[in-house]
All heavy atoms as atom14 arrays in JSON, in Angstrom:
{
  "sequence": "VVVVGAGPGGSATAAHLARRGLDVVLLEKATFPRDKICGDGLTP",
  "atom14_mask": [
    [1, 1, 1, 1, 1, 1, 1, 0, 0, 0, 0, 0, 0, 0],
    [1, 1, 1, 1, 1, 1, 1, 0, 0, 0, 0, 0, 0, 0],
    [1, 1, 1, 1, 1, 1, 1, 0, 0, 0, 0, 0, 0, 0],
    [1, 1, 1, 1, 1, 1, 1, 0, 0, 0, 0, 0, 0, 0],
    [1, 1, 1, 1, 0, 0, 0, 0, 0, 0, 0, 0, 0, 0],
    [1, 1, 1, 1, 1, 0, 0, 0, 0, 0, 0, 0, 0, 0],
    [1, 1, 1, 1, 0, 0, 0, 0, 0, 0, 0, 0, 0, 0],
    [1, 1, 1, 1, 1, 1, 1, 0, 0, 0, 0, 0, 0, 0],
    [1, 1, 1, 1, 0, 0, 0, 0, 0, 0, 0, 0, 0, 0],
    [1, 1, 1, 1, 0, 0, 0, 0, 0, 0, 0, 0, 0, 0],
    [1, 1, 1, 1, 1, 1, 0, 0, 0, 0, 0, 0, 0, 0],
    [1, 1, 1, 1, 1, 0, 0, 0, 0, 0, 0, 0, 0, 0],
    [1, 1, 1, 1, 1, 1, 1, 0, 0, 0, 0, 0, 0, 0],
    [1, 1, 1, 1, 1, 0, 0, 0, 0, 0, 0, 0, 0, 0],
    [1, 1, 1, 1, 1, 0, 0, 0, 0, 0, 0, 0, 0, 0],
    [1, 1, 1, 1, 1, 1, 1, 1, 1, 1, 0, 0, 0, 0],
    [1, 1, 1, 1, 1, 1, 1, 1, 0, 0, 0, 0, 0, 0],
    [1, 1, 1, 1, 1, 0, 0, 0, 0, 0, 0, 0, 0, 0],
    [1, 1, 1, 1, 1, 1, 1, 1, 1, 1, 1, 0, 0, 0],
    [1, 1, 1, 1, 1, 1, 1, 1, 1, 1, 1, 0, 0, 0],
    [1, 1, 1, 1, 0, 0, 0, 0, 0, 0, 0, 0, 0, 0],
    [1, 1, 1, 1, 1, 1, 1, 1, 0, 0, 0, 0, 0, 0],
    [1, 1, 1, 1, 1, 1, 1, 1, 0, 0, 0, 0, 0, 0],
    [1, 1, 1, 1, 1, 1, 1, 0, 0, 0, 0, 0, 0, 0],
    [1, 1, 1, 1, 1, 1, 1, 0, 0, 0, 0, 0, 0, 0],
    [1, 1, 1, 1, 1, 1, 1, 1, 0, 0, 0, 0, 0, 0],
    [1, 1, 1, 1, 1, 1, 1, 1, 0, 0, 0, 0, 0, 0],
    [1, 1, 1, 1, 1, 1, 1, 1, 1, 0, 0, 0, 0, 0],
    [1, 1, 1, 1, 1, 1, 1, 1, 1, 0, 0, 0, 0, 0],
    [1, 1, 1, 1, 1, 0, 0, 0, 0, 0, 0, 0, 0, 0],
    [1, 1, 1, 1, 1, 1, 1, 0, 0, 0, 0, 0, 0, 0],
    [1, 1, 1, 1, 1, 1, 1, 1, 1, 1, 1, 0, 0, 0],
    [1, 1, 1, 1, 1, 1, 1, 0, 0, 0, 0, 0, 0, 0],
    [1, 1, 1, 1, 1, 1, 1, 1, 1, 1, 1, 0, 0, 0],
    [1, 1, 1, 1, 1, 1, 1, 1, 0, 0, 0, 0, 0, 0],
    [1, 1, 1, 1, 1, 1, 1, 1, 1, 0, 0, 0, 0, 0],
    [1, 1, 1, 1, 1, 1, 1, 1, 0, 0, 0, 0, 0, 0],
    [1, 1, 1, 1, 1, 1, 0, 0, 0, 0, 0, 0, 0, 0],
    [1, 1, 1, 1, 0, 0, 0, 0, 0, 0, 0, 0, 0, 0],
    [1, 1, 1, 1, 1, 1, 1, 1, 0, 0, 0, 0, 0, 0],
    [1, 1, 1, 1, 0, 0, 0, 0, 0, 0, 0, 0, 0, 0],
    [1, 1, 1, 1, 1, 1, 1, 1, 0, 0, 0, 0, 0, 0],
    [1, 1, 1, 1, 1, 1, 1, 0, 0, 0, 0, 0, 0, 0],
    [1, 1, 1, 1, 1, 1, 1, 0, 0, 0, 0, 0, 0, 0]
  ],
  "atom14_positions": [
    [[0.85, -1.2, 0.0], [0.0, 0.0, 0.0], [0.88, 1.24, 0.0], [1.89, 1.29, 0.72], [-0.92, 0.04, 1.24], [-1.87, 1.23, 1.16], [-1.71, -1.26, 1.39], [0.0, 0.0, 0.0], [0.0, 0.0, 0.0], [0.0, 0.0, 0.0], [0.0, 0.0, 0.0], [0.0, 0.0, 0.0], [0.0, 0.0, 0.0], [0.0, 0.0, 0.0]],
    [[0.5, 2.24, -0.79], [1.11, 3.56, -0.75], [0.09, 4.53, -0.18], [-1.05, 4.59, -0.67], [1.56, 4.03, -2.15], [1.97, 5.51, -2.11], [2.73, 3.18, -2.65], [0.0, 0.0, 0.0], [0.0, 0.0, 0.0], [0.0, 0.0, 0.0], [0.0, 0.0, 0.0], [0.0, 0.0, 0.0], [0.0, 0.0, 0.0], [0.0, 0.0, 0.0]],
    [[0.46, 5.25, 0.86], [-0.41, 6.26, 1.47], [0.19, 7.63, 1.18], [1.37, 7.88, 1.48], [-0.52, 6.05, 2.99], [-1.43, 7.12, 3.6], [-1.06, 4.65, 3.31], [0.0, 0.0, 0.0], [0.0, 0.0, 0.0], [0.0, 0.0, 0.0], [0.0, 0.0, 0.0], [0.0, 0.0, 0.0], [0.0, 0.0, 0.0], [0.0, 0.0, 0.0]],
    [[-0.62, 8.51, 0.61], [-0.17, 9.86, 0.25], [-0.73, 10.85, 1.26], [-1.94, 11.05, 1.35], [-0.62, 10.23, -1.17], [-0.16, 11.64, -1.52], [-0.07, 9.23, -2.18], [0.0, 0.0, 0.0], [0.0, 0.0, 0.0], [0.0, 0.0, 0.0], [0.0, 0.0, 0.0], [0.0, 0.0, 0.0], [0.0, 0.0, 0.0], [0.0, 0.0, 0.0]],
    [[0.15, 11.46, 2.05], [-0.25, 12.44, 3.05], [-0.1, 11.91, 4.45], [-0.75, 10.92, 4.82], [0.0, 0.0, 0.0], [0.0, 0.0, 0.0], [0.0, 0.0, 0.0], [0.0, 0.0, 0.0], [0.0, 0.0, 0.0], [0.0, 0.0, 0.0], [0.0, 0.0, 0.0], [0.0, 0.0, 0.0], [0.0, 0.0, 0.0], [0.0, 0.0, 0.0]],
    [[0.76, 12.55, 5.25], [1.02, 12.09, 6.61], [0.36, 12.99, 7.65], [0.95, 13.32, 8.68], [2.53, 11.99, 6.87], [0.0, 0.0, 0.0], [0.0, 0.0, 0.0], [0.0, 0.0, 0.0], [0.0, 0.0, 0.0], [0.0, 0.0, 0.0], [0.0, 0.0, 0.0], [0.0, 0.0, 0.0], [0.0, 0.0, 0.0], [0.0, 0.0, 0.0]],
    [[-0.88, 13.41, 7.37], [-1.69, 14.01, 8.4], [-2.25, 12.91, 9.29], [-1.88, 11.73, 9.16], [0.0, 0.0, 0.0], [0.0, 0.0, 0.0], [0.0, 0.0, 0.0], [0.0, 0.0, 0.0], [0.0, 0.0, 0.0], [0.0, 0.0, 0.0], [0.0, 0.0, 0.0], [0.0, 0.0, 0.0], [0.0, 0.0, 0.0], [0.0, 0.0, 0.0]],
    [[-3.17, 13.24, 10.21], [-3.7, 12.21, 11.1], [-4.32, 11.02, 10.37], [-4.07, 9.87, 10.74], [-4.76, 12.98, 11.91], [-4.24, 14.38, 11.95], [-3.62, 14.6, 10.6], [0.0, 0.0, 0.0], [0.0, 0.0, 0.0], [0.0, 0.0, 0.0], [0.0, 0.0, 0.0], [0.0, 0.0, 0.0], [0.0, 0.0, 0.0], [0.0, 0.0, 0.0]],
    [[-5.1, 11.28, 9.29], [-5.73, 10.19, 8.56], [-4.73, 9.29, 7.87], [-4.82, 8.06, 7.93], [0.0, 0.0, 0.0], [0.0, 0.0, 0.0], [0.0, 0.0, 0.0], [0.0, 0.0, 0.0], [0.0, 0.0, 0.0], [0.0, 0.0, 0.0], [0.0, 0.0, 0.0], [0.0, 0.0, 0.0], [0.0, 0.0, 0.0], [0.0, 0.0, 0.0]],
    [[-3.76, 9.88, 7.18], [-2.78, 9.09, 6.45], [-1.87, 8.3, 7.37], [-1.62, 7.1, 7.16], [0.0, 0.0, 0.0], [0.0, 0.0, 0.0], [0.0, 0.0, 0.0], [0.0, 0.0, 0.0], [0.0, 0.0, 0.0], [0.0, 0.0, 0.0], [0.0, 0.0, 0.0], [0.0, 0.0, 0.0], [0.0, 0.0, 0.0], [0.0, 0.0, 0.0]],
    [[-1.36, 8.95, 8.41], [-0.45, 8.26, 9.33], [-1.18, 7.15, 10.09], [-0.62, 6.07, 10.31], [0.16, 9.25, 10.32], [1.06, 10.13, 9.66], [0.0, 0.0, 0.0], [0.0, 0.0, 0.0], [0.0, 0.0, 0.0], [0.0, 0.0, 0.0], [0.0, 0.0, 0.0], [0.0, 0.0, 0.0], [0.0, 0.0, 0.0], [0.0, 0.0, 0.0]],
    [[-2.43, 7.41, 10.48], [-3.19, 6.38, 11.19], [-3.49, 5.2, 10.28], [-3.43, 4.04, 10.71], [-4.48, 6.97, 11.74], [0.0, 0.0, 0.0], [0.0, 0.0, 0.0], [0.0, 0.0, 0.0], [0.0, 0.0, 0.0], [0.0, 0.0, 0.0], [0.0, 0.0, 0.0], [0.0, 0.0, 0.0], [0.0, 0.0, 0.0], [0.0, 0.0, 0.0]],
    [[-3.83, 5.47, 9.01], [-4.07, 4.38, 8.07], [-2.82, 3.52, 7.93], [-2.87, 2.28, 7.97], [-4.47, 4.93, 6.69], [-5.63, 5.76, 6.81], [-4.77, 3.8, 5.72], [0.0, 0.0, 0.0], [0.0, 0.0, 0.0], [0.0, 0.0, 0.0], [0.0, 0.0, 0.0], [0.0, 0.0, 0.0], [0.0, 0.0, 0.0], [0.0, 0.0, 0.0]],
    [[-1.68, 4.18, 7.74], [-0.41, 3.46, 7.6], [-0.1, 2.63, 8.84], [0.32, 1.47, 8.75], [0.71, 4.45, 7.31], [0.0, 0.0, 0.0], [0.0, 0.0, 0.0], [0.0, 0.0, 0.0], [0.0, 0.0, 0.0], [0.0, 0.0, 0.0], [0.0, 0.0, 0.0], [0.0, 0.0, 0.0], [0.0, 0.0, 0.0], [0.0, 0.0, 0.0]],
    [[-0.31, 3.21, 10.02], [-0.02, 2.5, 11.26], [-0.92, 1.27, 11.41], [-0.45, 0.18, 11.77], [-0.2, 3.44, 12.44], [0.0, 0.0, 0.0], [0.0, 0.0, 0.0], [0.0, 0.0, 0.0], [0.0, 0.0, 0.0], [0.0, 0.0, 0.0], [0.0, 0.0, 0.0], [0.0, 0.0, 0.0], [0.0, 0.0, 0.0], [0.0, 0.0, 0.0]],
    [[-2.21, 1.43, 11.16], [-3.13, 0.3, 11.27], [-2.77, -0.8, 10.27], [-2.84, -1.99, 10.6], [-4.57, 0.76, 11.02], [-5.22, 1.41, 12.21], [-5.41, 0.76, 13.4], [-5.74, 2.66, 12.37], [-6.02, 1.57, 14.26], [-6.23, 2.73, 13.66], [0.0, 0.0, 0.0], [0.0, 0.0, 0.0], [0.0, 0.0, 0.0], [0.0, 0.0, 0.0]],
    [[-2.37, -0.42, 9.08], [-1.99, -1.42, 8.08], [-0.73, -2.16, 8.5], [-0.62, -3.38, 8.33], [-1.77, -0.74, 6.72], [-3.04, -0.29, 5.98], [-2.68, 0.62, 4.81], [-3.82, -1.5, 5.49], [0.0, 0.0, 0.0], [0.0, 0.0, 0.0], [0.0, 0.0, 0.0], [0.0, 0.0, 0.0], [0.0, 0.0, 0.0], [0.0, 0.0, 0.0]],
    [[0.25, -1.44, 9.04], [1.48, -2.08, 9.5], [1.19, -3.07, 10.61], [1.77, -4.17, 10.66], [2.47, -1.02, 9.96], [0.0, 0.0, 0.0], [0.0, 0.0, 0.0], [0.0, 0.0, 0.0], [0.0, 0.0, 0.0], [0.0, 0.0, 0.0], [0.0, 0.0, 0.0], [0.0, 0.0, 0.0], [0.0, 0.0, 0.0], [0.0, 0.0, 0.0]],
    [[0.28, -2.72, 11.5], [-0.07, -3.63, 12.59], [-0.8, -4.86, 12.07], [-0.86, -5.88, 12.76], [-0.94, -2.89, 13.61], [-0.17, -1.79, 14.34], [-1.05, -0.97, 15.25], [-1.44, -1.69, 16.45], [-2.12, -1.14, 17.46], [-2.47, 0.13, 17.39], [-2.44, -1.84, 18.51], [0.0, 0.0, 0.0], [0.0, 0.0, 0.0], [0.0, 0.0, 0.0]],
    [[-1.35, -4.78, 10.87], [-2.01, -5.92, 10.23], [-1.05, -6.7, 9.33], [-1.47, -7.6, 8.62], [-3.23, -5.44, 9.45], [-4.41, -5.05, 10.37], [-5.36, -4.08, 9.67], [-6.52, -3.78, 10.51], [-6.51, -2.95, 11.56], [-5.36, -2.36, 11.92], [-7.6, -2.71, 12.25], [0.0, 0.0, 0.0], [0.0, 0.0, 0.0], [0.0, 0.0, 0.0]],
    [[0.22, -6.3, 9.35], [1.23, -7.07, 8.66], [1.51, -6.66, 7.23], [2.23, -7.38, 6.52], [0.0, 0.0, 0.0], [0.0, 0.0, 0.0], [0.0, 0.0, 0.0], [0.0, 0.0, 0.0], [0.0, 0.0, 0.0], [0.0, 0.0, 0.0], [0.0, 0.0, 0.0], [0.0, 0.0, 0.0], [0.0, 0.0, 0.0], [0.0, 0.0, 0.0]],
    [[1.01, -5.52, 6.77], [1.22, -5.1, 5.39], [2.46, -4.22, 5.27], [2.85, -3.53, 6.22], [0.0, -4.37, 4.84], [-1.13, -5.28, 4.3], [-1.83, -6.0, 5.43], [-2.13, -4.47, 3.48], [0.0, 0.0, 0.0], [0.0, 0.0, 0.0], [0.0, 0.0, 0.0], [0.0, 0.0, 0.0], [0.0, 0.0, 0.0], [0.0, 0.0, 0.0]],
    [[3.05, -4.22, 4.09], [4.21, -3.39, 3.76], [3.68, -2.06, 3.23], [3.01, -2.01, 2.19], [5.05, -4.11, 2.7], [6.26, -3.3, 2.27], [6.66, -2.39, 3.0], [6.8, -3.59, 1.18], [0.0, 0.0, 0.0], [0.0, 0.0, 0.0], [0.0, 0.0, 0.0], [0.0, 0.0, 0.0], [0.0, 0.0, 0.0], [0.0, 0.0, 0.0]],
    [[3.98, -0.97, 3.93], [3.37, 0.32, 3.64], [4.43, 1.39, 3.46], [5.39, 1.48, 4.24], [2.41, 0.76, 4.79], [1.65, 2.02, 4.4], [1.44, -0.36, 5.13], [0.0, 0.0, 0.0], [0.0, 0.0, 0.0], [0.0, 0.0, 0.0], [0.0, 0.0, 0.0], [0.0, 0.0, 0.0], [0.0, 0.0, 0.0], [0.0, 0.0, 0.0]],
    [[4.22, 2.26, 2.45], [5.02, 3.47, 2.26], [4.11, 4.67, 2.52], [3.01, 4.75, 1.97], [5.61, 3.55, 0.84], [6.32, 4.89, 0.64], [6.58, 2.41, 0.6], [0.0, 0.0, 0.0], [0.0, 0.0, 0.0], [0.0, 0.0, 0.0], [0.0, 0.0, 0.0], [0.0, 0.0, 0.0], [0.0, 0.0, 0.0], [0.0, 0.0, 0.0]],
    [[4.57, 5.58, 3.34], [3.83, 6.8, 3.69], [4.58, 8.0, 3.14], [5.71, 8.27, 3.54], [3.68, 6.9, 5.22], [3.02, 8.13, 5.8], [1.59, 8.3, 5.3], [3.04, 8.07, 7.34], [0.0, 0.0, 0.0], [0.0, 0.0, 0.0], [0.0, 0.0, 0.0], [0.0, 0.0, 0.0], [0.0, 0.0, 0.0], [0.0, 0.0, 0.0]],
    [[3.95, 8.72, 2.21], [4.59, 9.85, 1.53], [4.05, 11.17, 2.09], [2.84, 11.38, 2.14], [4.31, 9.79, 0.03], [4.69, 8.49, -0.69], [4.3, 8.58, -2.16], [6.18, 8.21, -0.55], [0.0, 0.0, 0.0], [0.0, 0.0, 0.0], [0.0, 0.0, 0.0], [0.0, 0.0, 0.0], [0.0, 0.0, 0.0], [0.0, 0.0, 0.0]],
    [[4.95, 12.04, 2.49], [4.57, 13.36, 3.01], [5.27, 14.44, 2.19], [6.48, 14.43, 2.04], [4.95, 13.48, 4.49], [4.9, 14.88, 5.07], [3.53, 15.55, 4.94], [2.5, 14.84, 5.03], [3.49, 16.78, 4.76], [0.0, 0.0, 0.0], [0.0, 0.0, 0.0], [0.0, 0.0, 0.0], [0.0, 0.0, 0.0], [0.0, 0.0, 0.0]],
    [[4.46, 15.37, 1.67], [4.98, 16.44, 0.82], [6.0, 17.31, 1.54], [7.03, 17.68, 0.99], [3.82, 17.3, 0.3], [4.23, 18.47, -0.57], [3.01, 19.24, -1.03], [3.38, 20.44, -1.88], [2.17, 21.19, -2.32], [0.0, 0.0, 0.0], [0.0, 0.0, 0.0], [0.0, 0.0, 0.0], [0.0, 0.0, 0.0], [0.0, 0.0, 0.0]],
    [[5.71, 17.66, 2.79], [6.57, 18.55, 3.57], [7.6, 17.72, 4.34], [7.7, 16.51, 4.19], [5.74, 19.39, 4.52], [0.0, 0.0, 0.0], [0.0, 0.0, 0.0], [0.0, 0.0, 0.0], [0.0, 0.0, 0.0], [0.0, 0.0, 0.0], [0.0, 0.0, 0.0], [0.0, 0.0, 0.0], [0.0, 0.0, 0.0], [0.0, 0.0, 0.0]],
    [[8.37, 18.4, 5.16], [9.26, 17.73, 6.11], [8.85, 18.17, 7.51], [8.47, 19.33, 7.73], [10.74, 18.1, 5.86], [10.9, 19.52, 5.91], [11.2, 17.59, 4.51], [0.0, 0.0, 0.0], [0.0, 0.0, 0.0], [0.0, 0.0, 0.0], [0.0, 0.0, 0.0], [0.0, 0.0, 0.0], [0.0, 0.0, 0.0], [0.0, 0.0, 0.0]],
    [[8.89, 17.25, 8.44], [8.49, 17.56, 9.81], [9.6, 18.28, 10.55], [10.78, 18.03, 10.3], [8.12, 16.26, 10.54], [6.87, 15.62, 10.03], [6.91, 14.41, 9.35], [5.63, 16.21, 10.24], [5.76, 13.8, 8.89], [4.46, 15.61, 9.79], [4.53, 14.4, 9.11], [0.0, 0.0, 0.0], [0.0, 0.0, 0.0], [0.0, 0.0, 0.0]],
    [[9.2, 19.18, 11.48], [7.83, 19.55, 11.83], [7.22, 20.52, 10.82], [7.93, 21.35, 10.24], [7.99, 20.23, 13.2], [9.36, 20.83, 13.14], [10.2, 19.88, 12.32], [0.0, 0.0, 0.0], [0.0, 0.0, 0.0], [0.0, 0.0, 0.0], [0.0, 0.0, 0.0], [0.0, 0.0, 0.0], [0.0, 0.0, 0.0], [0.0, 0.0, 0.0]],
    [[5.94, 20.4, 10.61], [5.22, 21.32, 9.76], [3.83, 21.58, 10.35], [3.27, 20.74, 11.04], [5.14, 20.8, 8.33], [4.45, 19.44, 8.19], [3.06, 19.63, 7.63], [2.42, 18.35, 7.35], [1.61, 17.72, 8.18], [1.36, 18.24, 9.38], [1.03, 16.57, 7.85], [0.0, 0.0, 0.0], [0.0, 0.0, 0.0], [0.0, 0.0, 0.0]],
    [[3.28, 22.75, 10.06], [2.04, 23.19, 10.7], [0.84, 22.91, 9.82], [0.96, 22.78, 8.6], [2.12, 24.69, 11.01], [1.09, 25.14, 12.02], [0.51, 24.28, 12.7], [0.88, 26.36, 12.14], [0.0, 0.0, 0.0], [0.0, 0.0, 0.0], [0.0, 0.0, 0.0], [0.0, 0.0, 0.0], [0.0, 0.0, 0.0], [0.0, 0.0, 0.0]],
    [[-0.33, 22.8, 10.44], [-1.61, 22.72, 9.75], [-2.6, 23.58, 10.53], [-2.57, 23.63, 11.76], [-2.12, 21.28, 9.69], [-1.34, 20.38, 8.74], [-1.56, 20.74, 7.28], [-0.8, 19.8, 6.36], [-1.01, 20.13, 4.94], [0.0, 0.0, 0.0], [0.0, 0.0, 0.0], [0.0, 0.0, 0.0], [0.0, 0.0, 0.0], [0.0, 0.0, 0.0]],
    [[-3.49, 24.24, 9.79], [-4.48, 25.11, 10.44], [-5.54, 24.23, 11.09], [-6.19, 23.42, 10.43], [-5.15, 26.06, 9.43], [-4.08, 26.76, 8.59], [-6.03, 27.07, 10.15], [-3.02, 27.47, 9.38], [0.0, 0.0, 0.0], [0.0, 0.0, 0.0], [0.0, 0.0, 0.0], [0.0, 0.0, 0.0], [0.0, 0.0, 0.0], [0.0, 0.0, 0.0]],
    [[-5.73, 24.4, 12.4], [-6.63, 23.52, 13.15], [-6.9, 24.14, 14.51], [-6.09, 24.94, 15.0], [-5.99, 22.15, 13.3], [-7.01, 20.89, 14.08], [0.0, 0.0, 0.0], [0.0, 0.0, 0.0], [0.0, 0.0, 0.0], [0.0, 0.0, 0.0], [0.0, 0.0, 0.0], [0.0, 0.0, 0.0], [0.0, 0.0, 0.0], [0.0, 0.0, 0.0]],
    [[-7.99, 23.74, 15.12], [-8.26, 24.17, 16.48], [-7.47, 23.39, 17.51], [-7.42, 23.78, 18.67], [0.0, 0.0, 0.0], [0.0, 0.0, 0.0], [0.0, 0.0, 0.0], [0.0, 0.0, 0.0], [0.0, 0.0, 0.0], [0.0, 0.0, 0.0], [0.0, 0.0, 0.0], [0.0, 0.0, 0.0], [0.0, 0.0, 0.0], [0.0, 0.0, 0.0]],
    [[-6.88, 22.27, 17.09], [-6.04, 21.43, 17.95], [-6.83, 20.71, 19.04], [-6.23, 20.09, 19.93], [-4.91, 22.23, 18.61], [-3.96, 22.86, 17.61], [-3.85, 22.33, 16.48], [-3.33, 23.89, 17.95], [0.0, 0.0, 0.0], [0.0, 0.0, 0.0], [0.0, 0.0, 0.0], [0.0, 0.0, 0.0], [0.0, 0.0, 0.0], [0.0, 0.0, 0.0]],
    [[-8.16, 20.76, 18.97], [-8.96, 20.08, 19.98], [-9.21, 18.63, 19.6], [-9.5, 18.31, 18.46], [0.0, 0.0, 0.0], [0.0, 0.0, 0.0], [0.0, 0.0, 0.0], [0.0, 0.0, 0.0], [0.0, 0.0, 0.0], [0.0, 0.0, 0.0], [0.0, 0.0, 0.0], [0.0, 0.0, 0.0], [0.0, 0.0, 0.0], [0.0, 0.0, 0.0]],
    [[-9.07, 17.75, 20.58], [-9.31, 16.32, 20.39], [-10.41, 15.89, 21.34], [-10.22, 15.84, 22.56], [-8.03, 15.53, 20.68], [-6.82, 15.88, 19.8], [-5.54, 15.3, 20.38], [-7.03, 15.39, 18.37], [0.0, 0.0, 0.0], [0.0, 0.0, 0.0], [0.0, 0.0, 0.0], [0.0, 0.0, 0.0], [0.0, 0.0, 0.0], [0.0, 0.0, 0.0]],
    [[-11.59, 15.62, 20.79], [-12.72, 15.2, 21.61], [-12.51, 13.77, 22.08], [-11.59, 13.08, 21.64], [-14.03, 15.27, 20.8], [-14.01, 14.24, 19.8], [-14.21, 16.62, 20.14], [0.0, 0.0, 0.0], [0.0, 0.0, 0.0], [0.0, 0.0, 0.0], [0.0, 0.0, 0.0], [0.0, 0.0, 0.0], [0.0, 0.0, 0.0], [0.0, 0.0, 0.0]],
    [[-13.37, 13.28, 22.99], [-13.24, 11.88, 23.41], [-13.26, 10.88, 22.26], [-12.67, 9.8, 22.38], [-14.43, 11.7, 24.36], [-14.6, 13.06, 24.98], [-14.34, 14.01, 23.84], [0.0, 0.0, 0.0], [0.0, 0.0, 0.0], [0.0, 0.0, 0.0], [0.0, 0.0, 0.0], [0.0, 0.0, 0.0], [0.0, 0.0, 0.0], [0.0, 0.0, 0.0]]
  ]
}
C-alpha cells in the first residue's frame, strides 16, 4: 500500500496497516515539523 499524506488520517491508516502485517510506504509532501491550520482540539 502507498499512502499519500502524513496528516492524522494518512499516518493512522499506515499504522493500522502495518499492525495488520502489510508493507506500507507513507509519503509526506513537507518535512516535519510542519504546521496545519486547526483548532487542535481532540474530543473523546
